[in-house]
Amino acid sequence: MKQKKLWKKYILIFTIIFFIVTGGVVKFSLKNLKDSKPTKWEAYSSGDERFDVQFPSEPKESSEEMDIDNKKIQFNELSTESGDSVYAVSYVDFPGHWKLLGSKKLLTKAFDSYLENQKNVDEVLDQGISSHHGIPALDYHFKQAGKEVKGKFIIAGNTLYRITVTYPLAAAEKIKPEAFFDSFQIKT
């Protein structure tokens, strides 16, 4: 029983730190509402050969080292804006022993912790376990301070990926985040 509580504590600490460091959903301003649907997608291959994805424009890369459970863990994020929308991919390698909890539990805990650390979440519209090209995933969709956020958490090996598209509510009919999500391919 103590072992279970310890695992839960480590997962909670990890996900809280992970999403505090990332700043939650990538912020953007709602100046002038433009057509946020990208017209040209650019192929991107991660420098560490983990994945390929199509961004609407060249993404900005950032990397930060985090100390979790006395271990140095590298957090990586790529993001770009298209009109008033933000497209982002972030990923982090988690300690191998967390995998013992199972993919569904890790995905659910990651989403729950992520949501708890978000400000001004108005309504969760959808959330559920799925797969992404045969890999365990959790899809989510929520409203937050005049925006909609659609995303996926994906677990491949010991890596937790988060793919997110954030856009103004007024642009919801124009945005098709599925094209971005579908372009995300994990290399094996």
C-alpha atoms as a PDB file:
ATOM      1  CA  MET A   1       0.000   0.000   0.000  1.00  0.00           C
ATOM      2  CA  LYS A   2       2.864   2.381   0.856  1.00  0.00           C
ATOM      3  CA  GLN A   3       4.465   1.507  -2.506  1.00  0.00           C
ATOM      4  CA  LYS A   4       1.270   2.556  -4.332  1.00  0.00           C
ATOM      5  CA  LYS A   5       1.086   5.875  -2.472  1.00  0.00           C
ATOM      6  CA  LEU A   6       4.751   6.527  -3.232  1.00  0.00           C
ATOM      7  CA  TRP A   7       4.150   5.932  -6.968  1.00  0.00           C
ATOM      8  CA  LYS A   8       1.146   8.262  -6.943  1.00  0.00           C
ATOM      9  CA  LYS A   9       3.208  10.910  -5.178  1.00  0.00           C
ATOM     10  CA  TYR A  10       6.039  10.661  -7.741  1.00  0.00           C
ATOM     11  CA  ILE A  11       3.640  10.887 -10.679  1.00  0.00           C
ATOM     12  CA  LEU A  12       1.855  13.871  -9.188  1.00  0.00           C
ATOM     13  CA  ILE A  13       5.127  15.681  -8.451  1.00  0.00           C
ATOM     14  CA  PHE A  14       6.493  14.926 -11.914  1.00  0.00           C
ATOM     15  CA  THR A  15       3.419  16.076 -13.816  1.00  0.00           C
ATOM     16  CA  ILE A  16       2.996  19.208 -11.702  1.00  0.00           C
ATOM     17  CA  ILE A  17       6.606  20.227 -12.231  1.00  0.00           C
ATOM     18  CA  PHE A  18       6.442  19.289 -15.919  1.00  0.00           C
ATOM     19  CA  PHE A  19       3.482  21.540 -16.596  1.00  0.00           C
ATOM     20  CA  ILE A  20       4.492  24.348 -14.275  1.00  0.00           C
ATOM     21  CA  VAL A  21       7.775  24.553 -16.143  1.00  0.00           C
ATOM     22  CA  THR A  22       6.026  24.486 -19.508  1.00  0.00           C
ATOM     23  CA  GLY A  23       3.727  27.265 -18.419  1.00  0.00           C
ATOM     24  CA  GLY A  24       0.714  25.160 -19.249  1.00  0.00           C
ATOM     25  CA  VAL A  25      -0.703  25.883 -22.631  1.00  0.00           C
ATOM     26  CA  VAL A  26       1.540  28.107 -24.721  1.00  0.00           C
ATOM     27  CA  LYS A  27       0.267  31.684 -24.264  1.00  0.00           C
ATOM     28  CA  PHE A  28      -0.733  33.927 -27.072  1.00  0.00           C
ATOM     29  CA  SER A  29      -2.541  37.241 -27.449  1.00  0.00           C
ATOM     30  CA  LEU A  30      -5.869  37.811 -29.137  1.00  0.00           C
ATOM     31  CA  LYS A  31      -5.085  41.088 -30.951  1.00  0.00           C
ATOM     32  CA  ASN A  32      -6.867  40.994 -34.288  1.00  0.00           C
ATOM     33  CA  LEU A  33      -8.725  37.852 -35.211  1.00  0.00           C
ATOM     34  CA  LYS A  34      -7.183  36.599 -38.442  1.00  0.00           C
ATOM     35  CA  ASP A  35      -7.791  33.496 -40.465  1.00  0.00           C
ATOM     36  CA  SER A  36      -5.803  31.075 -38.347  1.00  0.00           C
ATOM     37  CA  LYS A  37      -5.824  28.192 -40.788  1.00  0.00           C
ATOM     38  CA  PRO A  38      -2.288  27.706 -42.098  1.00  0.00           C
ATOM     39  CA  THR A  39      -1.900  27.617 -45.845  1.00  0.00           C
ATOM     40  CA  LYS A  40       1.485  25.892 -46.047  1.00  0.00           C
ATOM     41  CA  TRP A  41       2.826  23.244 -43.704  1.00  0.00           C
ATOM     42  CA  GLU A  42       6.545  22.715 -43.078  1.00  0.00           C
ATOM     43  CA  ALA A  43       8.028  19.306 -42.339  1.00  0.00           C
ATOM     44  CA  TYR A  44       9.996  19.159 -39.106  1.00  0.00           C
ATOM     45  CA  SER A  45      12.175  16.321 -37.855  1.00  0.00           C
ATOM     46  CA  SER A  46      13.304  16.459 -34.223  1.00  0.00           C
ATOM     47  CA  GLY A  47      17.035  16.928 -33.779  1.00  0.00           C
ATOM     48  CA  ASP A  48      17.218  13.836 -31.604  1.00  0.00           C
ATOM     49  CA  GLU A  49      15.465  11.740 -34.290  1.00  0.00           C
ATOM     50  CA  ARG A  50      12.415  10.972 -32.113  1.00  0.00           C
ATOM     51  CA  PHE A  51       9.600  12.208 -34.337  1.00  0.00           C
ATOM     52  CA  ASP A  52       8.445  13.982 -37.469  1.00  0.00           C
ATOM     53  CA  VAL A  53       5.638  16.547 -37.569  1.00  0.00           C
ATOM     54  CA  GLN A  54       4.219  19.201 -39.883  1.00  0.00           C
ATOM     55  CA  PHE A  55       4.108  22.738 -38.427  1.00  0.00           C
ATOM     56  CA  PRO A  56       2.389  25.696 -40.099  1.00  0.00           C
ATOM     57  CA  SER A  57       5.744  27.537 -39.945  1.00  0.00           C
ATOM     58  CA  GLU A  58       9.214  26.880 -38.586  1.00  0.00           C
ATOM     59  CA  PRO A  59       8.895  26.166 -34.849  1.00  0.00           C
ATOM     60  CA  LYS A  60      10.877  27.774 -32.063  1.00  0.00           C
ATOM     61  CA  GLU A  61      12.746  25.261 -29.949  1.00  0.00           C
ATOM     62  CA  SER A  62      13.382  25.432 -26.234  1.00  0.00           C
ATOM     63  CA  SER A  63      14.916  22.992 -23.819  1.00  0.00           C
ATOM     64  CA  GLU A  64      15.220  23.027 -20.072  1.00  0.00           C
ATOM     65  CA  GLU A  65      16.681  20.664 -17.521  1.00  0.00           C
ATOM     66  CA  MET A  66      14.419  19.814 -14.594  1.00  0.00           C
ATOM     67  CA  ASP A  67      15.291  18.129 -11.326  1.00  0.00           C
ATOM     68  CA  ILE A  68      12.694  15.473 -10.515  1.00  0.00           C
ATOM     69  CA  ASP A  69      13.159  12.921  -7.800  1.00  0.00           C
ATOM     70  CA  ASN A  70      16.900  13.793  -7.650  1.00  0.00           C
ATOM     71  CA  LYS A  71      17.287  13.062 -11.363  1.00  0.00           C
ATOM     72  CA  LYS A  72      17.998  15.496 -14.154  1.00  0.00           C
ATOM     73  CA  ILE A  73      15.261  15.301 -16.773  1.00  0.00           C
ATOM     74  CA  GLN A  74      15.335  17.192 -20.063  1.00  0.00           C
ATOM     75  CA  PHE A  75      12.131  18.998 -21.095  1.00  0.00           C
ATOM     76  CA  ASN A  76      11.864  19.937 -24.773  1.00  0.00           C
ATOM     77  CA  GLU A  77       9.288  22.088 -26.525  1.00  0.00           C
ATOM     78  CA  LEU A  78       8.627  23.280 -30.069  1.00  0.00           C
ATOM     79  CA  SER A  79       5.968  25.843 -30.884  1.00  0.00           C
ATOM     80  CA  THR A  80       4.831  28.160 -33.620  1.00  0.00           C
ATOM     81  CA  GLU A  81       2.007  30.586 -34.245  1.00  0.00           C
ATOM     82  CA  SER A  82      -0.275  30.774 -37.236  1.00  0.00           C
ATOM     83  CA  GLY A  83      -2.577  33.768 -37.057  1.00  0.00           C
ATOM     84  CA  ASP A  84      -4.061  33.632 -33.571  1.00  0.00           C
ATOM     85  CA  SER A  85      -3.431  29.908 -33.108  1.00  0.00           C
ATOM     86  CA  VAL A  86      -0.505  28.217 -31.409  1.00  0.00           C
ATOM     87  CA  TYR A  87       0.767  24.749 -32.379  1.00  0.00           C
ATOM     88  CA  ALA A  88       3.073  23.017 -29.906  1.00  0.00           C
ATOM     89  CA  VAL A  89       4.829  19.714 -29.257  1.00  0.00           C
ATOM     90  CA  SER A  90       6.557  19.077 -25.953  1.00  0.00           C
ATOM     91  CA  TYR A  91       8.153  15.959 -24.574  1.00  0.00           C
ATOM     92  CA  VAL A  92       9.993  14.619 -21.582  1.00  0.00           C
ATOM     93  CA  ASP A  93      11.503  11.269 -20.650  1.00  0.00           C
ATOM     94  CA  PHE A  94      10.163   9.955 -17.364  1.00  0.00           C
ATOM     95  CA  PRO A  95      11.785   7.454 -14.997  1.00  0.00           C
ATOM     96  CA  GLY A  96      11.365   3.895 -16.282  1.00  0.00           C
ATOM     97  CA  HIS A  97       9.766   2.553 -13.122  1.00  0.00           C
ATOM     98  CA  TRP A  98       6.723   4.799 -13.694  1.00  0.00           C
ATOM     99  CA  LYS A  99       5.869   2.600 -16.667  1.00  0.00           C
ATOM    100  CA  LEU A 100       4.853  -0.079 -14.140  1.00  0.00           C
ATOM    101  CA  LEU A 101       1.650   1.869 -13.549  1.00  0.00           C
ATOM    102  CA  GLY A 102       0.494   1.247 -17.102  1.00  0.00           C
ATOM    103  CA  SER A 103      -0.076   3.614 -19.986  1.00  0.00           C
ATOM    104  CA  LYS A 104      -3.738   4.399 -19.265  1.00  0.00           C
ATOM    105  CA  LYS A 105      -3.032   5.375 -15.676  1.00  0.00           C
ATOM    106  CA  LEU A 106       0.011   7.478 -16.613  1.00  0.00           C
ATOM    107  CA  LEU A 107      -1.933   9.275 -19.348  1.00  0.00           C
ATOM    108  CA  THR A 108      -4.889   9.937 -17.068  1.00  0.00           C
ATOM    109  CA  LYS A 109      -2.672  11.213 -14.240  1.00  0.00           C
ATOM    110  CA  ALA A 110      -0.728  13.426 -16.661  1.00  0.00           C
ATOM    111  CA  PHE A 111      -3.953  14.995 -17.987  1.00  0.00           C
ATOM    112  CA  ASP A 112      -5.461  15.429 -14.509  1.00  0.00           C
ATOM    113  CA  SER A 113      -2.306  17.151 -13.235  1.00  0.00           C
ATOM    114  CA  TYR A 114      -2.087  19.277 -16.377  1.00  0.00           C
ATOM    115  CA  LEU A 115      -5.694  20.402 -15.994  1.00  0.00           C
ATOM    116  CA  GLU A 116      -5.249  21.144 -12.279  1.00  0.00           C
ATOM    117  CA  ASN A 117      -2.389  23.508 -13.127  1.00  0.00           C
ATOM    118  CA  GLN A 118      -4.276  25.397 -15.834  1.00  0.00           C
ATOM    119  CA  LYS A 119      -5.879  28.730 -15.012  1.00  0.00           C
ATOM    120  CA  ASN A 120      -9.340  29.793 -16.127  1.00  0.00           C
ATOM    121  CA  VAL A 121     -10.501  26.438 -17.509  1.00  0.00           C
ATOM    122  CA  ASP A 122     -14.170  27.046 -18.257  1.00  0.00           C
ATOM    123  CA  GLU A 123     -15.233  23.594 -19.375  1.00  0.00           C
ATOM    124  CA  VAL A 124     -13.738  20.248 -20.344  1.00  0.00           C
ATOM    125  CA  LEU A 125     -15.493  19.370 -23.590  1.00  0.00           C
ATOM    126  CA  ASP A 126     -13.922  15.972 -24.164  1.00  0.00           C
ATOM    127  CA  GLN A 127     -11.298  13.676 -22.698  1.00  0.00           C
ATOM    128  CA  GLY A 128     -10.599  10.019 -23.284  1.00  0.00           C
ATOM    129  CA  ILE A 129      -8.084   7.261 -23.819  1.00  0.00           C
ATOM    130  CA  SER A 130      -7.323   6.584 -27.464  1.00  0.00           C
ATOM    131  CA  SER A 131      -4.385   5.644 -29.621  1.00  0.00           C
ATOM    132  CA  HIS A 132      -2.221   7.660 -31.948  1.00  0.00           C
ATOM    133  CA  HIS A 133      -1.044   5.576 -34.907  1.00  0.00           C
ATOM    134  CA  GLY A 134      -1.257   2.514 -32.639  1.00  0.00           C
ATOM    135  CA  ILE A 135       0.484   4.152 -29.648  1.00  0.00           C
ATOM    136  CA  PRO A 136      -1.343   4.760 -26.304  1.00  0.00           C
ATOM    137  CA  ALA A 137      -2.758   8.288 -26.142  1.00  0.00           C
ATOM    138  CA  LEU A 138      -5.257  10.498 -24.351  1.00  0.00           C
ATOM    139  CA  ASP A 139      -7.208  13.083 -26.365  1.00  0.00           C
ATOM    140  CA  TYR A 140      -8.544  16.221 -24.690  1.00  0.00           C
ATOM    141  CA  HIS A 141     -10.471  19.357 -25.566  1.00  0.00           C
ATOM    142  CA  PHE A 142     -11.363  22.216 -23.237  1.00  0.00           C
ATOM    143  CA  LYS A 143     -12.335  25.884 -23.177  1.00  0.00           C
ATOM    144  CA  GLN A 144     -10.056  28.307 -21.398  1.00  0.00           C
ATOM    145  CA  ALA A 145     -10.431  32.089 -21.141  1.00  0.00           C
ATOM    146  CA  GLY A 146     -11.897  32.700 -24.591  1.00  0.00           C
ATOM    147  CA  LYS A 147      -9.843  29.991 -26.272  1.00  0.00           C
ATOM    148  CA  GLU A 148     -10.228  26.347 -27.121  1.00  0.00           C
ATOM    149  CA  VAL A 149      -7.433  23.897 -26.474  1.00  0.00           C
ATOM    150  CA  LYS A 150      -7.264  20.559 -28.261  1.00  0.00           C
ATOM    151  CA  GLY A 151      -4.479  18.154 -27.591  1.00  0.00           C
ATOM    152  CA  LYS A 152      -3.087  14.705 -27.030  1.00  0.00           C
ATOM    153  CA  PHE A 153      -0.816  13.104 -24.511  1.00  0.00           C
ATOM    154  CA  ILE A 154       1.078  10.184 -26.033  1.00  0.00           C
ATOM    155  CA  ILE A 155       3.317   7.643 -24.312  1.00  0.00           C
ATOM    156  CA  ALA A 156       5.989   5.918 -26.389  1.00  0.00           C
ATOM    157  CA  GLY A 157       8.533   3.953 -24.390  1.00  0.00           C
ATOM    158  CA  ASN A 158       9.535   6.212 -21.500  1.00  0.00           C
ATOM    159  CA  THR A 159       8.631   9.427 -23.281  1.00  0.00           C
ATOM    160  CA  LEU A 160       5.540  11.509 -22.597  1.00  0.00           C
ATOM    161  CA  TYR A 161       4.589  13.731 -25.542  1.00  0.00           C
ATOM    162  CA  ARG A 162       2.036  16.527 -25.460  1.00  0.00           C
ATOM    163  CA  ILE A 163       0.693  17.882 -28.761  1.00  0.00           C
ATOM    164  CA  THR A 164      -1.507  20.968 -28.498  1.00  0.00           C
ATOM    165  CA  VAL A 165      -3.367  23.446 -30.679  1.00  0.00           C
ATOM    166  CA  THR A 166      -4.740  26.564 -28.967  1.00  0.00           C
ATOM    167  CA  TYR A 167      -7.072  28.903 -30.841  1.00  0.00           C
ATOM    168  CA  PRO A 168      -9.701  31.605 -30.227  1.00  0.00           C
ATOM    169  CA  LEU A 169     -13.283  30.421 -29.757  1.00  0.00           C
ATOM    170  CA  ALA A 170     -14.309  32.597 -32.703  1.00  0.00           C
ATOM    171  CA  ALA A 171     -11.963  30.610 -34.972  1.00  0.00           C
ATOM    172  CA  ALA A 172     -13.150  27.154 -33.879  1.00  0.00           C
ATOM    173  CA  GLU A 173     -14.912  26.477 -37.181  1.00  0.00           C
ATOM    174  CA  LYS A 174     -11.802  27.402 -39.213  1.00  0.00           C
ATOM    175  CA  ILE A 175      -9.194  25.442 -37.264  1.00  0.00           C
ATOM    176  CA  LYS A 176      -8.574  21.789 -38.054  1.00  0.00           C
ATOM    177  CA  PRO A 177      -6.093  20.561 -35.422  1.00  0.00           C
ATOM    178  CA  GLU A 178      -6.436  16.966 -36.639  1.00  0.00           C
ATOM    179  CA  ALA A 179      -4.098  17.700 -39.565  1.00  0.00           C
ATOM    180  CA  PHE A 180      -1.399  18.735 -37.094  1.00  0.00           C
ATOM    181  CA  PHE A 181      -2.056  15.748 -34.821  1.00  0.00           C
ATOM    182  CA  ASP A 182      -2.108  13.275 -37.718  1.00  0.00           C
ATOM    183  CA  SER A 183       1.218  14.592 -39.013  1.00  0.00           C
ATOM    184  CA  PHE A 184       2.932  13.699 -35.722  1.00  0.00           C
ATOM    185  CA  GLN A 185       4.839  10.462 -36.311  1.00  0.00           C
ATOM    186  CA  ILE A 186       7.035   8.831 -33.687  1.00  0.00           C
ATOM    187  CA  LYS A 187      10.125   7.212 -35.121  1.00  0.00           C
ATOM    188  CA  THR A 188      10.887   3.714 -33.915  1.00  0.00           C
END
